[in-house]
């Protein structure tokens, strides 16, 4: 678990661009996918590597095992979609 947190923190800390710029954000996301792939020990040649990383990361996020790694603002009131 700490490897995943460390990978996310390190990749975000090393950003040289502006995360509000779409190209810089895409670059950060790519770096984070690569870092998470290493942290999850998923082979680089795996054809479904991104899907595997995404599923494992989402599972950790949903179960609350990532800790306080939410960077987005969350609205205080959530209105269900009707």
C-alpha atoms as a PDB file:
ATOM      1  CA  UNK A   1       0.000   0.000   0.000  1.00  0.00           C
ATOM      2  CA  UNK A   2       2.696   2.478   0.901  1.00  0.00           C
ATOM      3  CA  UNK A   3       4.378   1.849  -2.465  1.00  0.00           C
ATOM      4  CA  UNK A   4       1.218   3.031  -4.213  1.00  0.00           C
ATOM      5  CA  UNK A   5       0.964   6.116  -2.013  1.00  0.00           C
ATOM      6  CA  UNK A   6       4.657   6.825  -2.506  1.00  0.00           C
ATOM      7  CA  UNK A   7       4.320   6.460  -6.294  1.00  0.00           C
ATOM      8  CA  UNK A   8       1.417   8.914  -6.406  1.00  0.00           C
ATOM      9  CA  UNK A   9       3.103  11.414  -4.134  1.00  0.00           C
ATOM     10  CA  UNK A  10       6.432  11.241  -5.979  1.00  0.00           C
ATOM     11  CA  UNK A  11       4.863  11.643  -9.407  1.00  0.00           C
ATOM     12  CA  UNK A  12       2.794  14.615  -8.266  1.00  0.00           C
ATOM     13  CA  UNK A  13       5.752  16.212  -6.472  1.00  0.00           C
ATOM     14  CA  UNK A  14       7.891  15.997  -9.605  1.00  0.00           C
ATOM     15  CA  UNK A  15       5.452  17.840 -11.877  1.00  0.00           C
ATOM     16  CA  UNK A  16       7.285  20.500 -13.851  1.00  0.00           C
ATOM     17  CA  UNK A  17       4.222  21.927 -15.555  1.00  0.00           C
ATOM     18  CA  UNK A  18       0.898  23.455 -14.675  1.00  0.00           C
ATOM     19  CA  UNK A  19      -1.693  20.848 -13.685  1.00  0.00           C
ATOM     20  CA  UNK A  20      -4.418  23.197 -14.923  1.00  0.00           C
ATOM     21  CA  UNK A  21      -2.988  22.893 -18.442  1.00  0.00           C
ATOM     22  CA  UNK A  22      -4.525  19.947 -20.299  1.00  0.00           C
ATOM     23  CA  UNK A  23      -1.245  18.791 -21.870  1.00  0.00           C
ATOM     24  CA  UNK A  24       0.628  18.955 -18.581  1.00  0.00           C
ATOM     25  CA  UNK A  25      -2.186  17.064 -16.843  1.00  0.00           C
ATOM     26  CA  UNK A  26      -2.091  14.347 -19.516  1.00  0.00           C
ATOM     27  CA  UNK A  27       1.651  14.043 -18.964  1.00  0.00           C
ATOM     28  CA  UNK A  28       1.130  13.712 -15.195  1.00  0.00           C
ATOM     29  CA  UNK A  29      -1.532  11.039 -15.697  1.00  0.00           C
ATOM     30  CA  UNK A  30       0.817   9.092 -17.967  1.00  0.00           C
ATOM     31  CA  UNK A  31       3.606   9.310 -15.362  1.00  0.00           C
ATOM     32  CA  UNK A  32       1.220   8.167 -12.644  1.00  0.00           C
ATOM     33  CA  UNK A  33       0.032   5.189 -14.691  1.00  0.00           C
ATOM     34  CA  UNK A  34       3.648   4.128 -15.184  1.00  0.00           C
ATOM     35  CA  UNK A  35       4.457   4.600 -11.492  1.00  0.00           C
ATOM     36  CA  UNK A  36       1.362   2.668 -10.420  1.00  0.00           C
ATOM     37  CA  UNK A  37       2.141  -0.109 -12.872  1.00  0.00           C
ATOM     38  CA  UNK A  38       5.527  -0.524 -11.178  1.00  0.00           C
ATOM     39  CA  UNK A  39       4.010  -0.289  -7.687  1.00  0.00           C
ATOM     40  CA  UNK A  40       1.435  -2.962  -8.534  1.00  0.00           C
ATOM     41  CA  UNK A  41       4.175  -5.056 -10.186  1.00  0.00           C
ATOM     42  CA  UNK A  42       2.282  -5.346 -13.465  1.00  0.00           C
ATOM     43  CA  UNK A  43       4.573  -6.340 -16.367  1.00  0.00           C
ATOM     44  CA  UNK A  44       5.152  -3.619 -18.970  1.00  0.00           C
ATOM     45  CA  UNK A  45       4.300  -6.003 -21.771  1.00  0.00           C
ATOM     46  CA  UNK A  46       0.867  -6.836 -20.344  1.00  0.00           C
ATOM     47  CA  UNK A  47      -1.678  -5.961 -23.021  1.00  0.00           C
ATOM     48  CA  UNK A  48      -4.243  -4.961 -20.409  1.00  0.00           C
ATOM     49  CA  UNK A  49      -1.807  -3.105 -18.129  1.00  0.00           C
ATOM     50  CA  UNK A  50      -3.824   0.127 -17.986  1.00  0.00           C
ATOM     51  CA  UNK A  51      -7.029  -1.740 -17.238  1.00  0.00           C
ATOM     52  CA  UNK A  52      -5.301  -3.751 -14.510  1.00  0.00           C
ATOM     53  CA  UNK A  53      -3.811  -0.600 -12.947  1.00  0.00           C
ATOM     54  CA  UNK A  54      -7.168   1.164 -13.125  1.00  0.00           C
ATOM     55  CA  UNK A  55      -9.057  -1.687 -11.473  1.00  0.00           C
ATOM     56  CA  UNK A  56      -6.556  -2.091  -8.646  1.00  0.00           C
ATOM     57  CA  UNK A  57      -6.343   1.648  -8.029  1.00  0.00           C
ATOM     58  CA  UNK A  58     -10.119   2.060  -8.016  1.00  0.00           C
ATOM     59  CA  UNK A  59     -10.467  -0.842  -5.586  1.00  0.00           C
ATOM     60  CA  UNK A  60      -7.956   0.768  -3.204  1.00  0.00           C
ATOM     61  CA  UNK A  61      -9.725   4.103  -3.524  1.00  0.00           C
ATOM     62  CA  UNK A  62     -13.194   2.645  -2.889  1.00  0.00           C
ATOM     63  CA  UNK A  63     -12.045   0.726   0.170  1.00  0.00           C
ATOM     64  CA  UNK A  64     -10.364   3.822   1.613  1.00  0.00           C
ATOM     65  CA  UNK A  65      -6.905   2.286   1.659  1.00  0.00           C
ATOM     66  CA  UNK A  66      -5.152   5.165  -0.097  1.00  0.00           C
ATOM     67  CA  UNK A  67      -5.415   7.581   2.783  1.00  0.00           C
ATOM     68  CA  UNK A  68      -5.906  11.311   2.273  1.00  0.00           C
ATOM     69  CA  UNK A  69      -4.928  11.436  -1.401  1.00  0.00           C
ATOM     70  CA  UNK A  70      -7.900  13.359  -2.738  1.00  0.00           C
ATOM     71  CA  UNK A  71      -6.746  16.477  -4.552  1.00  0.00           C
ATOM     72  CA  UNK A  72     -10.061  17.530  -6.085  1.00  0.00           C
ATOM     73  CA  UNK A  73     -12.605  19.700  -4.344  1.00  0.00           C
ATOM     74  CA  UNK A  74     -15.745  17.761  -3.537  1.00  0.00           C
ATOM     75  CA  UNK A  75     -19.031  19.663  -3.331  1.00  0.00           C
ATOM     76  CA  UNK A  76     -20.551  19.679   0.132  1.00  0.00           C
ATOM     77  CA  UNK A  77     -24.008  18.727  -1.129  1.00  0.00           C
ATOM     78  CA  UNK A  78     -24.416  15.949  -3.629  1.00  0.00           C
ATOM     79  CA  UNK A  79     -27.634  16.040  -5.604  1.00  0.00           C
ATOM     80  CA  UNK A  80     -28.595  12.673  -7.085  1.00  0.00           C
ATOM     81  CA  UNK A  81     -29.113  12.615 -10.832  1.00  0.00           C
ATOM     82  CA  UNK A  82     -32.774  12.179 -11.620  1.00  0.00           C
END
